[in-house]
Amino acid sequence: MSAIPREVRDGFRYDEVPWQRFRHFYGPGEEIPGLLVTLASADVEAADGALRQLWTSLHHQGGTIAVGALAVPFLLRIAATARPELRAQTLRLVAEVGRRQHMGDGSREGLLQVAEEPMMIDGSTMCPVNWTIQAARQAVTDDLHLLLPLLSDPAPDPDPEVRSVTAYVLAAATGEYSRVSSALRTRLAEEDDAVVRVSLILAIAQLAREHEHQGEHAPKWARGLWSDSGRPPEVRIGAGLAWLCLVTDPAPDELRALLTDPDTRQYDGLLQPVPWLTWIDPTGVGLRSCVDEMLRANLPENSA
């Protein structure tokens, strides 16, 4: 990945990338450039089909595969410059290639965890999955200049989903923590969409957790948000989840009351599109599943 020059990425010079050295989940890696070309084309129907095929080939049953990392720089450029209607799903694929298999894990330890177990091996290439995840995350970091503008979604018709998923991608950055975190916090201060607000909060918390030596103030920041009754409910809910993931302390009664309040249940459906919650429970209750699992972990065994 580090040997792919920026001019190759910017020029979509696919022939200079060693796709043939890797397979995707259903075939040879040489097939991926053709799908990327179609995704960037003016043919809406064909582009949509190519994206669906890329999802199948690069993200099978929640897992990721080495050739997916090679696709990340090109997916980012296509998302930034090509079909706006496919931007969010293209960015979401980037984020999933750079993340462990996390479906159904709404625990305090797992919700914001990115790295895979060290012994997990991709059966097609016998490559440690963490290598793929790290390579994809480094590609994201190298192309922050493409991602940061999408936090404001400068398209003629701004799409909140693009802003939400952009936060999801940025949370995987391996460097420039201060720059990325500052951009996310600035956007949070301006954002009025509930799903995007929660996504921004979880992205800030994930970065802080990944960069512990620089994110030591994050738990205090998150607690300040969820304990402030003047904040919008979704901000308090998102900050409550973030705080639980950033510390090992038992949930205070005040937070437990907030997250179990019957009025909070109305946000189950509203916040289901938050990328971190979508895969926890695809039936539409990702938030409730997270809350139940995180709070149950704090109960004594005889009351669980």
C-alpha atoms as a PDB file:
ATOM      1  CA  MET A   1       0.000   0.000   0.000  1.00  0.00           C
ATOM      2  CA  SER A   2       2.759   2.443   0.909  1.00  0.00           C
ATOM      3  CA  ALA A   3       4.411   1.789  -2.456  1.00  0.00           C
ATOM      4  CA  ILE A   4       1.405   3.008  -4.466  1.00  0.00           C
ATOM      5  CA  PRO A   5       2.284   6.622  -5.444  1.00  0.00           C
ATOM      6  CA  ARG A   6      -0.333   9.320  -5.129  1.00  0.00           C
ATOM      7  CA  GLU A   7      -0.248   9.938  -8.886  1.00  0.00           C
ATOM      8  CA  VAL A   8      -1.297   6.310  -9.429  1.00  0.00           C
ATOM      9  CA  ARG A   9      -4.212   6.739  -7.064  1.00  0.00           C
ATOM     10  CA  ASP A  10      -5.240  10.131  -8.412  1.00  0.00           C
ATOM     11  CA  GLY A  11      -4.939   8.957 -12.006  1.00  0.00           C
ATOM     12  CA  PHE A  12      -6.860   5.700 -11.433  1.00  0.00           C
ATOM     13  CA  ARG A  13      -3.901   3.848 -12.939  1.00  0.00           C
ATOM     14  CA  TYR A  14      -5.164   0.419 -11.987  1.00  0.00           C
ATOM     15  CA  ASP A  15      -2.620  -1.414 -14.128  1.00  0.00           C
ATOM     16  CA  GLU A  16       0.169  -0.327 -11.778  1.00  0.00           C
ATOM     17  CA  VAL A  17      -1.366  -2.110  -8.784  1.00  0.00           C
ATOM     18  CA  PRO A  18      -0.618  -5.851  -8.242  1.00  0.00           C
ATOM     19  CA  TRP A  19      -4.239  -7.047  -8.102  1.00  0.00           C
ATOM     20  CA  GLN A  20      -3.198 -10.475  -9.423  1.00  0.00           C
ATOM     21  CA  ARG A  21      -1.387 -11.260  -6.184  1.00  0.00           C
ATOM     22  CA  PHE A  22      -4.640 -11.405  -4.254  1.00  0.00           C
ATOM     23  CA  ARG A  23      -8.090 -12.945  -4.461  1.00  0.00           C
ATOM     24  CA  HIS A  24     -11.410 -11.597  -3.333  1.00  0.00           C
ATOM     25  CA  PHE A  25     -13.991 -13.829  -1.651  1.00  0.00           C
ATOM     26  CA  TYR A  26     -15.331 -15.208  -4.948  1.00  0.00           C
ATOM     27  CA  GLY A  27     -12.577 -14.903  -7.523  1.00  0.00           C
ATOM     28  CA  PRO A  28      -9.302 -13.349  -8.693  1.00  0.00           C
ATOM     29  CA  GLY A  29      -8.315  -9.847  -7.662  1.00  0.00           C
ATOM     30  CA  GLU A  30      -7.912  -8.782 -11.304  1.00  0.00           C
ATOM     31  CA  GLU A  31     -11.714  -8.480 -11.435  1.00  0.00           C
ATOM     32  CA  ILE A  32     -11.805  -5.560  -8.979  1.00  0.00           C
ATOM     33  CA  PRO A  33     -10.463  -2.771 -11.271  1.00  0.00           C
ATOM     34  CA  GLY A  34     -13.227  -3.449 -13.818  1.00  0.00           C
ATOM     35  CA  LEU A  35     -15.857  -3.064 -11.104  1.00  0.00           C
ATOM     36  CA  LEU A  36     -14.238   0.169  -9.930  1.00  0.00           C
ATOM     37  CA  VAL A  37     -14.273   1.543 -13.481  1.00  0.00           C
ATOM     38  CA  THR A  38     -17.979   0.735 -13.782  1.00  0.00           C
ATOM     39  CA  LEU A  39     -18.714   2.257 -10.382  1.00  0.00           C
ATOM     40  CA  ALA A  40     -17.195   5.538 -11.571  1.00  0.00           C
ATOM     41  CA  SER A  41     -19.068   5.469 -14.892  1.00  0.00           C
ATOM     42  CA  ALA A  42     -22.016   7.601 -15.987  1.00  0.00           C
ATOM     43  CA  ASP A  43     -24.275   4.539 -16.238  1.00  0.00           C
ATOM     44  CA  VAL A  44     -26.313   4.724 -13.033  1.00  0.00           C
ATOM     45  CA  GLU A  45     -27.728   1.203 -13.222  1.00  0.00           C
ATOM     46  CA  ALA A  46     -24.351  -0.349 -14.033  1.00  0.00           C
ATOM     47  CA  ALA A  47     -22.621   1.662 -11.293  1.00  0.00           C
ATOM     48  CA  ASP A  48     -25.164   0.469  -8.756  1.00  0.00           C
ATOM     49  CA  GLY A  49     -24.626  -3.133  -9.836  1.00  0.00           C
ATOM     50  CA  ALA A  50     -20.849  -2.750  -9.605  1.00  0.00           C
ATOM     51  CA  LEU A  51     -21.097  -1.402  -6.077  1.00  0.00           C
ATOM     52  CA  ARG A  52     -23.266  -4.303  -4.988  1.00  0.00           C
ATOM     53  CA  GLN A  53     -20.744  -6.724  -6.507  1.00  0.00           C
ATOM     54  CA  LEU A  54     -17.873  -4.949  -4.742  1.00  0.00           C
ATOM     55  CA  TRP A  55     -19.701  -5.341  -1.440  1.00  0.00           C
ATOM     56  CA  THR A  56     -20.126  -9.069  -2.096  1.00  0.00           C
ATOM     57  CA  SER A  57     -16.516  -9.536  -3.173  1.00  0.00           C
ATOM     58  CA  LEU A  58     -14.789  -7.444  -0.496  1.00  0.00           C
ATOM     59  CA  HIS A  59     -17.036  -7.744   2.576  1.00  0.00           C
ATOM     60  CA  HIS A  60     -18.383 -11.260   2.913  1.00  0.00           C
ATOM     61  CA  GLN A  61     -20.415 -12.022   6.052  1.00  0.00           C
ATOM     62  CA  GLY A  62     -18.791  -9.130   7.868  1.00  0.00           C
ATOM     63  CA  GLY A  63     -15.250 -10.206   7.043  1.00  0.00           C
ATOM     64  CA  THR A  64     -12.676  -8.315   5.018  1.00  0.00           C
ATOM     65  CA  ILE A  65     -10.055  -9.535   2.550  1.00  0.00           C
ATOM     66  CA  ALA A  66      -6.622  -8.294   1.506  1.00  0.00           C
ATOM     67  CA  VAL A  67      -7.495  -7.056  -1.987  1.00  0.00           C
ATOM     68  CA  GLY A  68     -10.067  -4.779  -0.371  1.00  0.00           C
ATOM     69  CA  ALA A  69      -7.281  -2.642   1.051  1.00  0.00           C
ATOM     70  CA  LEU A  70      -5.912  -2.093  -2.462  1.00  0.00           C
ATOM     71  CA  ALA A  71      -9.345  -0.847  -3.525  1.00  0.00           C
ATOM     72  CA  VAL A  72      -9.682   1.700  -0.714  1.00  0.00           C
ATOM     73  CA  PRO A  73      -7.737   4.611  -2.303  1.00  0.00           C
ATOM     74  CA  PHE A  74      -9.785   4.274  -5.483  1.00  0.00           C
ATOM     75  CA  LEU A  75     -13.098   3.879  -3.654  1.00  0.00           C
ATOM     76  CA  LEU A  76     -12.343   7.088  -1.762  1.00  0.00           C
ATOM     77  CA  ARG A  77     -11.673   8.981  -4.988  1.00  0.00           C
ATOM     78  CA  ILE A  78     -14.792   7.612  -6.634  1.00  0.00           C
ATOM     79  CA  ALA A  79     -16.864   8.572  -3.576  1.00  0.00           C
ATOM     80  CA  ALA A  80     -15.466  12.100  -3.634  1.00  0.00           C
ATOM     81  CA  THR A  81     -15.872  12.753  -7.356  1.00  0.00           C
ATOM     82  CA  ALA A  82     -18.368  10.345  -8.956  1.00  0.00           C
ATOM     83  CA  ARG A  83     -22.025   9.459  -8.404  1.00  0.00           C
ATOM     84  CA  PRO A  84     -23.389  11.385  -5.366  1.00  0.00           C
ATOM     85  CA  GLU A  85     -26.287   8.953  -4.965  1.00  0.00           C
ATOM     86  CA  LEU A  86     -23.814   6.099  -4.337  1.00  0.00           C
ATOM     87  CA  ARG A  87     -21.430   8.128  -2.182  1.00  0.00           C
ATOM     88  CA  ALA A  88     -22.674   6.992   1.213  1.00  0.00           C
ATOM     89  CA  GLN A  89     -22.644   3.276   0.384  1.00  0.00           C
ATOM     90  CA  THR A  90     -19.215   3.553  -1.252  1.00  0.00           C
ATOM     91  CA  LEU A  91     -17.829   5.225   1.859  1.00  0.00           C
ATOM     92  CA  ARG A  92     -19.491   2.635   4.061  1.00  0.00           C
ATOM     93  CA  LEU A  93     -17.688  -0.125   2.156  1.00  0.00           C
ATOM     94  CA  VAL A  94     -14.378   1.664   2.807  1.00  0.00           C
ATOM     95  CA  ALA A  95     -15.152   1.778   6.516  1.00  0.00           C
ATOM     96  CA  GLU A  96     -16.057  -1.908   6.672  1.00  0.00           C
ATOM     97  CA  VAL A  97     -12.891  -3.004   4.842  1.00  0.00           C
ATOM     98  CA  GLY A  98     -10.956  -1.164   7.580  1.00  0.00           C
ATOM     99  CA  ARG A  99     -12.788  -2.771  10.496  1.00  0.00           C
ATOM    100  CA  ARG A 100     -12.976  -6.176  12.155  1.00  0.00           C
ATOM    101  CA  GLN A 101     -15.984  -8.454  11.886  1.00  0.00           C
ATOM    102  CA  HIS A 102     -18.264  -6.698  14.370  1.00  0.00           C
ATOM    103  CA  MET A 103     -21.776  -7.794  13.503  1.00  0.00           C
ATOM    104  CA  GLY A 104     -23.854  -8.241  16.622  1.00  0.00           C
ATOM    105  CA  ASP A 105     -21.199  -6.919  19.020  1.00  0.00           C
ATOM    106  CA  GLY A 106     -22.769  -4.057  20.924  1.00  0.00           C
ATOM    107  CA  SER A 107     -20.667  -4.525  24.037  1.00  0.00           C
ATOM    108  CA  ARG A 108     -18.661  -1.865  25.843  1.00  0.00           C
ATOM    109  CA  GLU A 109     -15.485  -3.580  24.679  1.00  0.00           C
ATOM    110  CA  GLY A 110     -16.621  -4.214  21.113  1.00  0.00           C
ATOM    111  CA  LEU A 111     -18.703  -1.313  19.798  1.00  0.00           C
ATOM    112  CA  LEU A 112     -15.724   0.950  19.095  1.00  0.00           C
ATOM    113  CA  GLN A 113     -13.122  -1.783  18.575  1.00  0.00           C
ATOM    114  CA  VAL A 114     -11.504  -1.760  15.124  1.00  0.00           C
ATOM    115  CA  ALA A 115      -8.669  -4.314  15.206  1.00  0.00           C
ATOM    116  CA  GLU A 116      -9.303  -8.018  14.620  1.00  0.00           C
ATOM    117  CA  GLU A 117      -8.032 -10.806  16.848  1.00  0.00           C
ATOM    118  CA  PRO A 118      -4.306 -11.334  16.080  1.00  0.00           C
ATOM    119  CA  MET A 119      -4.739 -14.987  15.129  1.00  0.00           C
ATOM    120  CA  MET A 120      -7.532 -14.344  12.584  1.00  0.00           C
ATOM    121  CA  ILE A 121      -6.288 -15.382   9.127  1.00  0.00           C
ATOM    122  CA  ASP A 122      -7.904 -14.743   5.749  1.00  0.00           C
ATOM    123  CA  GLY A 123      -8.367 -18.252   4.357  1.00  0.00           C
ATOM    124  CA  SER A 124      -8.034 -17.199   0.704  1.00  0.00           C
ATOM    125  CA  THR A 125      -4.611 -15.558   0.972  1.00  0.00           C
ATOM    126  CA  MET A 126      -3.469 -16.800   4.409  1.00  0.00           C
ATOM    127  CA  CYS A 127      -2.877 -13.149   5.278  1.00  0.00           C
ATOM    128  CA  PRO A 128      -3.537 -11.935   8.853  1.00  0.00           C
ATOM    129  CA  VAL A 129      -6.782  -9.964   8.704  1.00  0.00           C
ATOM    130  CA  ASN A 130      -5.245  -7.258  10.879  1.00  0.00           C
ATOM    131  CA  TRP A 131      -2.754  -6.542   8.091  1.00  0.00           C
ATOM    132  CA  THR A 132      -5.627  -5.792   5.741  1.00  0.00           C
ATOM    133  CA  ILE A 133      -7.395  -3.650   8.310  1.00  0.00           C
ATOM    134  CA  GLN A 134      -4.240  -1.686   9.078  1.00  0.00           C
ATOM    135  CA  ALA A 135      -3.494  -1.145   5.378  1.00  0.00           C
ATOM    136  CA  ALA A 136      -7.030   0.111   4.724  1.00  0.00           C
ATOM    137  CA  ARG A 137      -6.852   2.440   7.716  1.00  0.00           C
ATOM    138  CA  GLN A 138      -3.523   3.820   6.553  1.00  0.00           C
ATOM    139  CA  ALA A 139      -5.040   4.476   3.125  1.00  0.00           C
ATOM    140  CA  VAL A 140      -7.827   6.439   4.828  1.00  0.00           C
ATOM    141  CA  THR A 141      -5.248   8.475   6.746  1.00  0.00           C
ATOM    142  CA  ASP A 142      -3.258   9.182   3.590  1.00  0.00           C
ATOM    143  CA  ASP A 143      -6.372  10.592   1.912  1.00  0.00           C
ATOM    144  CA  LEU A 144      -7.826  12.740   4.669  1.00  0.00           C
ATOM    145  CA  HIS A 145      -7.852  15.626   2.187  1.00  0.00           C
ATOM    146  CA  LEU A 146     -10.643  13.810   0.327  1.00  0.00           C
ATOM    147  CA  LEU A 147     -12.662  12.885   3.398  1.00  0.00           C
ATOM    148  CA  LEU A 148     -12.672  15.974   5.604  1.00  0.00           C
ATOM    149  CA  PRO A 149     -14.642  18.119   3.099  1.00  0.00           C
ATOM    150  CA  LEU A 150     -17.362  15.445   3.028  1.00  0.00           C
ATOM    151  CA  LEU A 151     -18.141  16.127   6.695  1.00  0.00           C
ATOM    152  CA  SER A 152     -19.991  19.150   5.349  1.00  0.00           C
ATOM    153  CA  ASP A 153     -21.183  17.278   2.233  1.00  0.00           C
ATOM    154  CA  PRO A 154     -20.711  20.092  -0.281  1.00  0.00           C
ATOM    155  CA  ALA A 155     -22.938  18.452  -2.879  1.00  0.00           C
ATOM    156  CA  PRO A 156     -25.814  20.543  -4.306  1.00  0.00           C
ATOM    157  CA  ASP A 157     -28.237  18.418  -2.258  1.00  0.00           C
ATOM    158  CA  PRO A 158     -26.509  17.715   1.071  1.00  0.00           C
ATOM    159  CA  ASP A 159     -27.113  14.181   2.322  1.00  0.00           C
ATOM    160  CA  PRO A 160     -26.969  13.565   6.087  1.00  0.00           C
ATOM    161  CA  GLU A 161     -26.078   9.916   5.425  1.00  0.00           C
ATOM    162  CA  VAL A 162     -22.876  11.023   3.695  1.00  0.00           C
ATOM    163  CA  ARG A 163     -21.872  13.070   6.735  1.00  0.00           C
ATOM    164  CA  SER A 164     -22.713  10.213   9.079  1.00  0.00           C
ATOM    165  CA  VAL A 165     -20.745   7.605   7.111  1.00  0.00           C
ATOM    166  CA  THR A 166     -17.828  10.013   6.595  1.00  0.00           C
ATOM    167  CA  ALA A 167     -17.521  10.215  10.382  1.00  0.00           C
ATOM    168  CA  TYR A 168     -17.530   6.395  10.454  1.00  0.00           C
ATOM    169  CA  VAL A 169     -14.642   6.292   7.974  1.00  0.00           C
ATOM    170  CA  LEU A 170     -12.655   9.043   9.710  1.00  0.00           C
ATOM    171  CA  ALA A 171     -12.890   7.173  13.017  1.00  0.00           C
ATOM    172  CA  ALA A 172     -10.538   4.584  11.517  1.00  0.00           C
ATOM    173  CA  ALA A 173      -7.708   7.052  10.855  1.00  0.00           C
ATOM    174  CA  THR A 174      -4.362   5.873  12.184  1.00  0.00           C
ATOM    175  CA  GLY A 175      -2.720   9.300  12.383  1.00  0.00           C
ATOM    176  CA  GLU A 176      -3.346  13.043  12.599  1.00  0.00           C
ATOM    177  CA  TYR A 177      -5.600  12.377  15.575  1.00  0.00           C
ATOM    178  CA  SER A 178      -5.805  16.026  16.636  1.00  0.00           C
ATOM    179  CA  ARG A 179      -6.706  17.229  13.151  1.00  0.00           C
ATOM    180  CA  VAL A 180      -9.424  14.641  12.618  1.00  0.00           C
ATOM    181  CA  SER A 181     -10.882  14.937  16.110  1.00  0.00           C
ATOM    182  CA  SER A 182     -10.974  18.720  15.818  1.00  0.00           C
ATOM    183  CA  ALA A 183     -12.830  18.487  12.505  1.00  0.00           C
ATOM    184  CA  LEU A 184     -15.379  16.083  13.996  1.00  0.00           C
ATOM    185  CA  ARG A 185     -15.961  18.313  17.027  1.00  0.00           C
ATOM    186  CA  THR A 186     -16.346  21.389  14.831  1.00  0.00           C
ATOM    187  CA  ARG A 187     -18.946  19.586  12.737  1.00  0.00           C
ATOM    188  CA  LEU A 188     -20.767  18.404  15.867  1.00  0.00           C
ATOM    189  CA  ALA A 189     -21.162  21.997  17.031  1.00  0.00           C
ATOM    190  CA  GLU A 190     -22.886  22.845  13.739  1.00  0.00           C
ATOM    191  CA  GLU A 191     -24.823  19.638  13.017  1.00  0.00           C
ATOM    192  CA  ASP A 192     -28.609  19.433  13.400  1.00  0.00           C
ATOM    193  CA  ASP A 193     -29.302  15.885  12.178  1.00  0.00           C
ATOM    194  CA  ALA A 194     -29.770  13.339  14.988  1.00  0.00           C
ATOM    195  CA  VAL A 195     -28.101  10.398  13.215  1.00  0.00           C
ATOM    196  CA  VAL A 196     -25.102  12.495  12.199  1.00  0.00           C
ATOM    197  CA  ARG A 197     -24.739  13.878  15.714  1.00  0.00           C
ATOM    198  CA  VAL A 198     -24.508  10.399  17.222  1.00  0.00           C
ATOM    199  CA  SER A 199     -22.111   9.283  14.481  1.00  0.00           C
ATOM    200  CA  LEU A 200     -19.833  12.243  15.176  1.00  0.00           C
ATOM    201  CA  ILE A 201     -19.838  11.526  18.915  1.00  0.00           C
ATOM    202  CA  LEU A 202     -18.989   7.843  18.422  1.00  0.00           C
ATOM    203  CA  ALA A 203     -16.274   8.737  15.897  1.00  0.00           C
ATOM    204  CA  ILE A 204     -14.653  11.135  18.374  1.00  0.00           C
ATOM    205  CA  ALA A 205     -14.833   8.479  21.083  1.00  0.00           C
ATOM    206  CA  GLN A 206     -13.398   5.767  18.825  1.00  0.00           C
ATOM    207  CA  LEU A 207     -10.437   7.941  17.893  1.00  0.00           C
ATOM    208  CA  ALA A 208      -9.831   8.725  21.554  1.00  0.00           C
ATOM    209  CA  ARG A 209      -9.946   5.046  22.441  1.00  0.00           C
ATOM    210  CA  GLU A 210      -7.560   4.152  19.603  1.00  0.00           C
ATOM    211  CA  HIS A 211      -5.147   6.931  20.589  1.00  0.00           C
ATOM    212  CA  GLU A 212      -5.378   6.631  24.364  1.00  0.00           C
ATOM    213  CA  HIS A 213      -2.286   8.742  25.039  1.00  0.00           C
ATOM    214  CA  GLN A 214      -3.959  11.669  23.256  1.00  0.00           C
ATOM    215  CA  GLY A 215      -7.574  10.989  24.185  1.00  0.00           C
ATOM    216  CA  GLU A 216      -7.344  11.065  27.958  1.00  0.00           C
ATOM    217  CA  HIS A 217      -9.940  13.856  28.244  1.00  0.00           C
ATOM    218  CA  ALA A 218     -12.564  12.054  26.145  1.00  0.00           C
ATOM    219  CA  PRO A 219     -14.400  10.335  29.045  1.00  0.00           C
ATOM    220  CA  LYS A 220     -14.840  13.680  30.803  1.00  0.00           C
ATOM    221  CA  TRP A 221     -16.067  15.229  27.553  1.00  0.00           C
ATOM    222  CA  ALA A 222     -18.561  12.411  26.966  1.00  0.00           C
ATOM    223  CA  ARG A 223     -19.833  12.564  30.542  1.00  0.00           C
ATOM    224  CA  GLY A 224     -20.327  16.302  30.211  1.00  0.00           C
ATOM    225  CA  LEU A 225     -22.591  15.685  27.213  1.00  0.00           C
ATOM    226  CA  TRP A 226     -24.762  12.896  28.601  1.00  0.00           C
ATOM    227  CA  SER A 227     -25.181  14.502  32.025  1.00  0.00           C
ATOM    228  CA  ASP A 228     -26.346  17.825  30.546  1.00  0.00           C
ATOM    229  CA  SER A 229     -30.158  17.739  30.491  1.00  0.00           C
ATOM    230  CA  GLY A 230     -30.142  20.762  28.198  1.00  0.00           C
ATOM    231  CA  ARG A 231     -28.588  18.774  25.358  1.00  0.00           C
ATOM    232  CA  PRO A 232     -30.737  17.142  22.639  1.00  0.00           C
ATOM    233  CA  PRO A 233     -31.748  13.594  23.627  1.00  0.00           C
ATOM    234  CA  GLU A 234     -29.797  11.953  20.808  1.00  0.00           C
ATOM    235  CA  VAL A 235     -26.627  13.763  21.882  1.00  0.00           C
ATOM    236  CA  ARG A 236     -27.053  12.511  25.439  1.00  0.00           C
ATOM    237  CA  ILE A 237     -27.773   8.957  24.240  1.00  0.00           C
ATOM    238  CA  GLY A 238     -24.778   8.894  21.901  1.00  0.00           C
ATOM    239  CA  ALA A 239     -22.502  10.349  24.563  1.00  0.00           C
ATOM    240  CA  GLY A 240     -23.781   7.793  27.061  1.00  0.00           C
ATOM    241  CA  LEU A 241     -22.791   4.939  24.762  1.00  0.00           C
ATOM    242  CA  ALA A 242     -19.440   6.602  24.089  1.00  0.00           C
ATOM    243  CA  TRP A 243     -18.702   7.044  27.801  1.00  0.00           C
ATOM    244  CA  LEU A 244     -19.520   3.407  28.545  1.00  0.00           C
ATOM    245  CA  CYS A 245     -17.056   2.351  25.831  1.00  0.00           C
ATOM    246  CA  LEU A 246     -14.310   4.648  27.076  1.00  0.00           C
ATOM    247  CA  VAL A 247     -14.287   3.628  30.743  1.00  0.00           C
ATOM    248  CA  THR A 248     -14.667   0.489  32.829  1.00  0.00           C
ATOM    249  CA  ASP A 249     -16.633   2.162  35.644  1.00  0.00           C
ATOM    250  CA  PRO A 250     -20.145   0.868  36.368  1.00  0.00           C
ATOM    251  CA  ALA A 251     -22.897   2.902  34.757  1.00  0.00           C
ATOM    252  CA  PRO A 252     -24.043   5.637  37.174  1.00  0.00           C
ATOM    253  CA  ASP A 253     -27.693   5.589  38.138  1.00  0.00           C
ATOM    254  CA  GLU A 254     -28.204   8.847  36.242  1.00  0.00           C
ATOM    255  CA  LEU A 255     -26.945   7.317  32.997  1.00  0.00           C
ATOM    256  CA  ARG A 256     -28.829   4.079  33.540  1.00  0.00           C
ATOM    257  CA  ALA A 257     -32.028   6.082  34.036  1.00  0.00           C
ATOM    258  CA  LEU A 258     -31.403   8.033  30.835  1.00  0.00           C
ATOM    259  CA  LEU A 259     -30.766   4.979  28.672  1.00  0.00           C
ATOM    260  CA  THR A 260     -33.659   2.940  30.090  1.00  0.00           C
ATOM    261  CA  ASP A 261     -36.205   5.759  30.122  1.00  0.00           C
ATOM    262  CA  PRO A 262     -39.277   4.696  28.093  1.00  0.00           C
ATOM    263  CA  ASP A 263     -38.993   7.955  26.164  1.00  0.00           C
ATOM    264  CA  THR A 264     -35.565   6.838  24.911  1.00  0.00           C
ATOM    265  CA  ARG A 265     -37.144   3.912  23.073  1.00  0.00           C
ATOM    266  CA  GLN A 266     -38.570   6.268  20.470  1.00  0.00           C
ATOM    267  CA  TYR A 267     -34.982   6.743  19.281  1.00  0.00           C
ATOM    268  CA  ASP A 268     -34.482   3.037  18.462  1.00  0.00           C
ATOM    269  CA  GLY A 269     -35.717   3.435  14.915  1.00  0.00           C
ATOM    270  CA  LEU A 270     -34.463   6.975  14.437  1.00  0.00           C
ATOM    271  CA  LEU A 271     -30.864   6.077  15.297  1.00  0.00           C
ATOM    272  CA  GLN A 272     -30.767   2.685  13.538  1.00  0.00           C
ATOM    273  CA  PRO A 273     -28.921   4.243  10.520  1.00  0.00           C
ATOM    274  CA  VAL A 274     -25.972   5.215  12.760  1.00  0.00           C
ATOM    275  CA  PRO A 275     -23.238   3.022  11.177  1.00  0.00           C
ATOM    276  CA  TRP A 276     -22.037   1.605  14.496  1.00  0.00           C
ATOM    277  CA  LEU A 277     -25.594   0.508  15.353  1.00  0.00           C
ATOM    278  CA  THR A 278     -26.810  -0.736  11.967  1.00  0.00           C
ATOM    279  CA  TRP A 279     -24.991  -4.063  12.155  1.00  0.00           C
ATOM    280  CA  ILE A 280     -25.658  -4.723  15.845  1.00  0.00           C
ATOM    281  CA  ASP A 281     -29.214  -5.816  15.162  1.00  0.00           C
ATOM    282  CA  PRO A 282     -30.467  -5.588  11.563  1.00  0.00           C
ATOM    283  CA  THR A 283     -34.084  -5.885  12.715  1.00  0.00           C
ATOM    284  CA  GLY A 284     -34.008  -2.208  13.651  1.00  0.00           C
ATOM    285  CA  VAL A 285     -33.212  -2.227  17.364  1.00  0.00           C
ATOM    286  CA  GLY A 286     -29.446  -1.774  17.306  1.00  0.00           C
ATOM    287  CA  LEU A 287     -29.581   0.965  19.926  1.00  0.00           C
ATOM    288  CA  ARG A 288     -31.730  -1.084  22.297  1.00  0.00           C
ATOM    289  CA  SER A 289     -29.474  -4.119  21.883  1.00  0.00           C
ATOM    290  CA  CYS A 290     -26.411  -1.996  22.726  1.00  0.00           C
ATOM    291  CA  VAL A 291     -28.047  -0.445  25.765  1.00  0.00           C
ATOM    292  CA  ASP A 292     -29.247  -3.806  27.072  1.00  0.00           C
ATOM    293  CA  GLU A 293     -25.842  -5.461  26.615  1.00  0.00           C
ATOM    294  CA  MET A 294     -23.806  -2.588  28.043  1.00  0.00           C
ATOM    295  CA  LEU A 295     -25.967  -2.113  31.110  1.00  0.00           C
ATOM    296  CA  ARG A 296     -26.413  -5.819  31.762  1.00  0.00           C
ATOM    297  CA  ALA A 297     -22.636  -6.180  31.948  1.00  0.00           C
ATOM    298  CA  ASN A 298     -22.657  -3.925  35.015  1.00  0.00           C
ATOM    299  CA  LEU A 299     -25.188  -5.971  36.974  1.00  0.00           C
ATOM    300  CA  PRO A 300     -24.188  -8.422  39.699  1.00  0.00           C
ATOM    301  CA  GLU A 301     -24.419 -12.041  38.508  1.00  0.00           C
ATOM    302  CA  ASN A 302     -27.442 -12.807  40.662  1.00  0.00           C
ATOM    303  CA  SER A 303     -29.438  -9.962  39.112  1.00  0.00           C
ATOM    304  CA  ALA A 304     -28.328 -10.282  35.465  1.00  0.00           C
END
